[in-house]
Amino acid sequence: MNIHHLELFYYVARHGGISRAVRNMPYGIQQPAVSSQILLLEQDLGVKLFERQPFKLTHEGEELFEFARPFFENLDAMTVRLRKQSAPQLRIAGSELVLRDYLPVVVERLRRQEPRLRLALRSGYQAEMEKWLLDREIDLAVASLDAKPPARLRCLRLLRMPLVLLVHKKSKIKSAAELWAQSEIEDPLICLPQTESMSRLFRKGLRLRHVNWPQSIEASSMDLVTRYVANGYGIGLSIDAAEMVRHPLVRVLQLEGFEPVEVAVLWNGEPTALVRAALVGMQRYVRETWPQWQCEEALPE
């Protein structure tokens, strides 16, 4: 018997149907996938486990559900018990910039509270991190939101950071409006991949202004954007954070009317004491570092 198929059957039996099971599973899976795998389980066992419309367990289905239920219902309790016996671990995902430049301050403060803390870090984009949370592969994700997170995930908005353009100090361009007035922008555009939220927001703002400005250079980090602008390779897209745009050869142009980048922390389910401490620490760090852009959002009870 395939144990994953048995797990899917457990959720179907527990919630009274496939569609309800999909809505309540702790990880993302589509309804057709559940249906096909349940059929494989029934074929493997040689019995029908439940009636589809209306939903009702067969005698064999009830017998299998009673067998499987104690194991799956005690998994969370066993996980908590085992974790308490080992050093606490916090699994966090975010962009490389967040993990490298901002998270260390929060982690250092957490270590003062919990010296045995073990840390697992993973970089990714919003969609990837949401999947990892739904699959319970990570505990927290610090993401730049460009779409509403899945309903099953909880969200705490930390700050909204304005978009800016970076030009070389010798550039004759004094404002972004001068660029929009050009029939064709000749300066190369340097920015993060188009999958990043800040690039998407910038594209949205360009469309509203009927401006066509293709990306010429794709940078892997905002630090690289600043360096390329300083080297004279073009105009860069960044956010209005001094530590990212500060350079003696770079000048900042404000982007009036463009939507800001919204940074939030996501998690799945009720936060543990360690996750809550991390959330509080992130809010504190934002309040100390970017008070003008912080989101006055209360931590969920």
Protein backbone atom coordinates (compact mmCIF):
# COMPACT_ATOMS: atom_id res chain seq x y z
CA MET A 1 0.00 0.00 0.00
CA ASN A 2 1.28 3.45 -0.97
CA ILE A 3 1.48 5.50 2.27
CA HIS A 4 0.91 8.80 0.45
CA HIS A 5 -2.29 7.40 -1.07
CA LEU A 6 -3.35 6.31 2.41
CA GLU A 7 -2.72 9.83 3.72
CA LEU A 8 -4.90 11.33 0.97
CA PHE A 9 -7.67 8.84 1.78
CA TYR A 10 -7.44 9.82 5.45
CA TYR A 11 -8.10 13.49 4.62
CA VAL A 12 -10.93 12.60 2.24
CA ALA A 13 -12.60 10.40 4.87
CA ARG A 14 -12.00 12.93 7.65
CA HIS A 15 -13.46 15.89 5.74
CA GLY A 16 -16.23 14.07 3.90
CA GLY A 17 -15.21 14.33 0.27
CA ILE A 18 -12.38 15.09 -2.10
CA SER A 19 -13.08 18.79 -2.66
CA ARG A 20 -13.32 19.45 1.09
CA ALA A 21 -10.14 17.47 1.70
CA VAL A 22 -8.24 19.59 -0.84
CA ARG A 23 -9.33 22.78 0.96
CA ASN A 24 -8.16 21.48 4.33
CA MET A 25 -4.92 19.67 3.52
CA PRO A 26 -1.75 21.14 5.07
CA TYR A 27 -0.07 21.26 1.65
CA GLY A 28 -1.11 22.20 -1.85
CA ILE A 29 -2.54 19.53 -4.18
CA GLN A 30 -5.13 19.71 -6.94
CA GLN A 31 -8.45 17.87 -6.81
CA PRO A 32 -7.80 15.75 -9.97
CA ALA A 33 -4.52 14.52 -8.48
CA VAL A 34 -6.28 13.42 -5.30
CA SER A 35 -9.01 11.64 -7.28
CA SER A 36 -6.54 9.75 -9.46
CA GLN A 37 -4.40 8.66 -6.50
CA ILE A 38 -7.43 7.50 -4.52
CA LEU A 39 -8.43 5.38 -7.54
CA LEU A 40 -4.94 3.87 -7.53
CA LEU A 41 -5.37 3.01 -3.84
CA GLU A 42 -8.74 1.34 -4.51
CA GLN A 43 -7.24 -0.62 -7.41
CA ASP A 44 -4.32 -1.72 -5.24
CA LEU A 45 -6.66 -2.92 -2.46
CA GLY A 46 -9.28 -4.31 -4.81
CA VAL A 47 -12.16 -2.60 -2.94
CA LYS A 48 -14.24 0.55 -3.21
CA LEU A 49 -13.56 2.85 -0.25
CA PHE A 50 -16.41 5.36 -0.53
CA GLU A 51 -19.40 6.47 -2.56
CA ARG A 52 -18.76 9.76 -4.38
CA GLN A 53 -22.24 11.33 -4.61
CA PRO A 54 -23.38 11.68 -1.90
CA PHE A 55 -20.20 10.94 0.01
CA LYS A 56 -20.31 7.86 2.22
CA LEU A 57 -17.61 5.46 3.34
CA THR A 58 -18.09 1.83 2.43
CA HIS A 59 -17.58 -0.85 5.05
CA GLU A 60 -14.01 -1.34 3.81
CA GLY A 61 -13.47 2.43 3.80
CA GLU A 62 -14.62 2.73 7.42
CA GLU A 63 -12.31 -0.10 8.41
CA LEU A 64 -9.31 1.51 6.67
CA PHE A 65 -10.12 4.95 8.12
CA GLU A 66 -10.24 3.60 11.67
CA PHE A 67 -6.90 1.93 11.08
CA ALA A 68 -5.20 5.05 9.65
CA ARG A 69 -6.78 7.74 11.84
CA PRO A 70 -4.74 7.25 15.06
CA PHE A 71 -1.45 7.46 13.16
CA PHE A 72 -2.20 10.64 11.18
CA GLU A 73 -4.00 12.42 14.02
CA ASN A 74 -1.02 11.94 16.32
CA LEU A 75 1.64 13.06 13.84
CA ASP A 76 1.59 16.73 14.91
CA ALA A 77 1.80 15.83 18.60
CA MET A 78 4.70 13.48 17.93
CA THR A 79 6.47 16.18 15.88
CA VAL A 80 6.11 18.69 18.72
CA ARG A 81 7.32 16.13 21.28
CA LEU A 82 10.42 15.23 19.27
CA ARG A 83 11.26 18.86 18.51
CA LYS A 84 11.12 19.71 22.19
CA GLN A 85 13.78 17.10 22.83
CA SER A 86 16.19 18.63 20.31
CA ALA A 87 17.63 22.10 19.77
CA PRO A 88 14.99 24.46 18.35
CA GLN A 89 15.14 25.01 14.61
CA LEU A 90 13.86 27.91 12.52
CA ARG A 91 13.56 27.49 8.75
CA ILE A 92 13.37 30.80 6.90
CA ALA A 93 13.12 31.62 3.19
CA GLY A 94 13.64 34.97 1.51
CA SER A 95 15.51 36.76 -1.23
CA GLU A 96 19.30 36.60 -1.16
CA LEU A 97 19.35 40.28 -0.19
CA VAL A 98 17.10 39.72 2.83
CA LEU A 99 19.00 36.64 3.98
CA ARG A 100 22.40 38.27 3.56
CA ASP A 101 21.88 41.88 4.70
CA TYR A 102 18.84 42.11 6.97
CA LEU A 103 18.07 38.78 8.61
CA PRO A 104 21.38 38.48 10.54
CA VAL A 105 20.35 41.28 12.93
CA VAL A 106 17.07 39.50 13.76
CA VAL A 107 18.80 36.13 14.11
CA GLU A 108 21.44 37.52 16.45
CA ARG A 109 18.72 38.81 18.78
CA LEU A 110 16.92 35.46 18.65
CA ARG A 111 20.13 33.68 19.62
CA ARG A 112 20.32 35.76 22.78
CA GLN A 113 16.94 34.32 23.76
CA GLU A 114 17.68 30.82 22.50
CA PRO A 115 21.45 30.12 22.29
CA ARG A 116 20.87 26.59 20.92
CA LEU A 117 18.92 27.89 17.92
CA ARG A 118 19.54 26.01 14.66
CA LEU A 119 18.90 27.96 11.46
CA ALA A 120 18.05 26.72 7.96
CA LEU A 121 17.96 29.34 5.17
CA ARG A 122 16.61 29.06 1.64
CA SER A 123 16.38 31.71 -1.09
CA GLY A 124 13.50 31.96 -3.55
CA TYR A 125 10.67 33.97 -5.08
CA GLN A 126 7.17 34.48 -3.66
CA ALA A 127 5.49 31.57 -5.48
CA GLU A 128 8.26 29.16 -4.50
CA MET A 129 8.20 30.23 -0.86
CA GLU A 130 4.42 29.91 -0.66
CA LYS A 131 4.66 26.31 -1.89
CA TRP A 132 7.38 25.54 0.67
CA LEU A 133 5.16 26.92 3.42
CA LEU A 134 2.14 24.92 2.28
CA ASP A 135 4.33 21.80 2.15
CA ARG A 136 5.67 22.70 5.62
CA GLU A 137 9.25 22.67 4.35
CA ILE A 138 9.90 26.09 5.97
CA ASP A 139 8.51 28.01 8.96
CA LEU A 140 8.69 31.62 7.72
CA ALA A 141 9.04 33.40 4.38
CA VAL A 142 10.02 37.03 3.95
CA ALA A 143 8.61 37.97 0.54
CA SER A 144 8.00 40.97 -1.68
CA LEU A 145 4.31 40.58 -2.42
CA ASP A 146 3.02 41.10 -5.94
CA ALA A 147 -0.02 38.86 -5.51
CA LYS A 148 -2.35 37.95 -2.68
CA PRO A 149 -0.98 34.97 -0.71
CA PRO A 150 -3.06 31.75 -0.55
CA ALA A 151 -5.86 31.89 2.00
CA ARG A 152 -4.28 29.11 4.06
CA LEU A 153 -1.19 31.21 4.75
CA ARG A 154 -1.03 33.93 7.38
CA CYS A 155 0.55 37.25 6.53
CA LEU A 156 2.11 40.13 8.45
CA ARG A 157 2.94 43.17 6.32
CA LEU A 158 6.20 44.75 7.42
CA LEU A 159 6.88 47.75 5.17
CA ARG A 160 6.25 49.46 1.84
CA MET A 161 9.36 50.70 0.04
CA PRO A 162 9.18 53.20 -2.87
CA LEU A 163 10.70 52.35 -6.23
CA VAL A 164 13.48 54.57 -7.59
CA LEU A 165 15.66 54.82 -10.67
CA LEU A 166 19.45 55.05 -10.44
CA VAL A 167 21.46 57.07 -12.94
CA HIS A 168 25.16 57.80 -13.21
CA LYS A 169 26.26 61.09 -11.59
CA LYS A 170 27.30 62.39 -15.02
CA SER A 171 23.87 61.69 -16.56
CA LYS A 172 22.00 64.74 -17.88
CA ILE A 173 18.67 63.21 -16.77
CA LYS A 174 17.35 65.01 -13.70
CA SER A 175 13.94 63.33 -13.25
CA ALA A 176 12.03 60.24 -14.35
CA ALA A 177 9.52 62.49 -16.13
CA GLU A 178 12.23 63.40 -18.63
CA LEU A 179 12.46 59.74 -19.59
CA TRP A 180 8.70 59.36 -20.10
CA ALA A 181 8.74 62.40 -22.38
CA GLN A 182 11.17 60.72 -24.78
CA SER A 183 9.72 59.04 -27.85
CA GLU A 184 12.15 56.16 -27.27
CA ILE A 185 14.35 55.60 -24.22
CA GLU A 186 17.83 54.77 -25.46
CA ASP A 187 19.46 54.13 -22.07
CA PRO A 188 19.67 50.41 -21.23
CA LEU A 189 17.41 49.34 -18.36
CA ILE A 190 19.07 47.33 -15.58
CA CYS A 191 16.80 45.50 -13.13
CA LEU A 192 16.06 42.25 -11.34
CA PRO A 193 14.38 39.34 -13.20
CA GLN A 194 10.86 40.01 -14.45
CA THR A 195 9.53 37.47 -11.95
CA GLU A 196 10.51 39.78 -9.06
CA SER A 197 7.71 41.91 -7.62
CA MET A 198 9.57 45.21 -8.02
CA SER A 199 10.09 44.52 -11.73
CA ARG A 200 6.42 43.64 -12.13
CA LEU A 201 5.32 46.82 -10.35
CA PHE A 202 7.65 48.90 -12.52
CA ARG A 203 6.25 47.29 -15.68
CA LYS A 204 2.74 48.06 -14.48
CA GLY A 205 3.66 51.72 -13.97
CA LEU A 206 5.24 51.92 -17.43
CA ARG A 207 2.10 50.49 -19.06
CA LEU A 208 -0.07 53.10 -17.34
CA ARG A 209 2.19 55.77 -18.84
CA HIS A 210 2.23 54.06 -22.25
CA VAL A 211 6.00 53.74 -22.06
CA ASN A 212 7.87 50.87 -23.72
CA TRP A 213 11.29 50.31 -22.12
CA PRO A 214 12.61 46.75 -22.56
CA GLN A 215 15.01 45.33 -20.02
CA SER A 216 18.60 45.23 -21.30
CA ILE A 217 20.49 43.79 -18.33
CA GLU A 218 19.08 41.30 -15.81
CA ALA A 219 20.87 41.57 -12.48
CA SER A 220 20.77 38.92 -9.77
CA SER A 221 20.76 41.43 -6.89
CA MET A 222 20.07 45.10 -6.21
CA ASP A 223 23.70 45.55 -5.21
CA LEU A 224 24.63 44.50 -8.73
CA VAL A 225 22.13 46.97 -10.19
CA THR A 226 23.87 49.80 -8.33
CA ARG A 227 27.34 48.65 -9.44
CA TYR A 228 26.30 48.39 -13.08
CA VAL A 229 24.87 51.90 -13.01
CA ALA A 230 28.09 53.18 -11.41
CA ASN A 231 30.04 51.50 -14.22
CA GLY A 232 27.99 53.38 -16.80
CA TYR A 233 26.06 50.41 -18.20
CA GLY A 234 22.63 52.06 -18.04
CA ILE A 235 19.79 53.15 -15.73
CA GLY A 236 18.86 50.88 -12.84
CA LEU A 237 15.64 50.06 -11.02
CA SER A 238 15.93 49.79 -7.25
CA ILE A 239 14.18 50.67 -3.99
CA ASP A 240 14.72 53.80 -1.92
CA ALA A 241 16.97 52.26 0.72
CA ALA A 242 20.24 54.08 1.36
CA GLU A 243 22.29 50.94 1.93
CA MET A 244 21.33 49.67 -1.53
CA VAL A 245 21.58 52.82 -3.63
CA ARG A 246 24.44 54.62 -1.87
CA HIS A 247 27.40 55.02 -4.24
CA PRO A 248 29.60 58.04 -5.02
CA LEU A 249 28.93 57.66 -8.76
CA VAL A 250 25.16 57.12 -8.55
CA ARG A 251 22.24 59.55 -8.31
CA VAL A 252 18.67 58.62 -7.27
CA LEU A 253 15.55 59.64 -9.23
CA GLN A 254 12.20 59.34 -7.47
CA LEU A 255 9.42 57.43 -9.26
CA GLU A 256 6.30 59.43 -8.51
CA GLY A 257 3.03 57.53 -8.88
CA PHE A 258 4.53 54.04 -9.01
CA GLU A 259 3.26 51.46 -6.52
CA PRO A 260 5.73 50.68 -3.71
CA VAL A 261 7.17 47.24 -3.02
CA GLU A 262 5.32 45.62 -0.13
CA VAL A 263 7.41 43.30 2.03
CA ALA A 264 5.64 40.80 4.26
CA VAL A 265 6.40 37.72 6.33
CA LEU A 266 4.28 34.62 5.71
CA TRP A 267 3.73 31.48 7.77
CA ASN A 268 1.39 28.50 7.92
CA GLY A 269 -0.91 27.77 10.86
CA GLU A 270 -0.60 28.87 14.45
CA PRO A 271 2.86 30.33 15.13
CA THR A 272 5.08 28.55 17.61
CA ALA A 273 6.77 30.55 20.35
CA LEU A 274 9.95 30.67 18.24
CA VAL A 275 8.11 31.82 15.10
CA ARG A 276 6.28 34.49 17.11
CA ALA A 277 9.60 35.70 18.55
CA ALA A 278 10.97 35.97 14.99
CA LEU A 279 7.91 37.94 13.88
CA VAL A 280 8.28 40.35 16.78
CA GLY A 281 11.99 40.69 16.00
CA MET A 282 11.31 41.47 12.34
CA GLN A 283 8.78 44.15 13.25
CA ARG A 284 11.24 45.68 15.68
CA TYR A 285 14.02 45.70 13.08
CA VAL A 286 11.78 47.42 10.51
CA ARG A 287 10.66 50.00 13.09
CA GLU A 288 14.29 50.81 13.92
CA THR A 289 15.62 50.77 10.35
CA TRP A 290 12.79 52.15 8.16
CA PRO A 291 10.28 53.87 10.49
CA GLN A 292 8.98 56.01 7.61
CA TRP A 293 7.91 52.95 5.61
CA GLN A 294 6.78 50.51 8.27
CA CYS A 295 3.27 49.04 8.15
CA GLU A 296 1.39 49.68 11.37
CA GLU A 297 0.00 46.15 11.45
CA ALA A 298 -0.57 44.26 14.68
CA LEU A 299 0.83 40.77 15.07
CA PRO A 300 -2.09 38.27 14.94
CA GLU A 301 -3.04 36.82 18.31
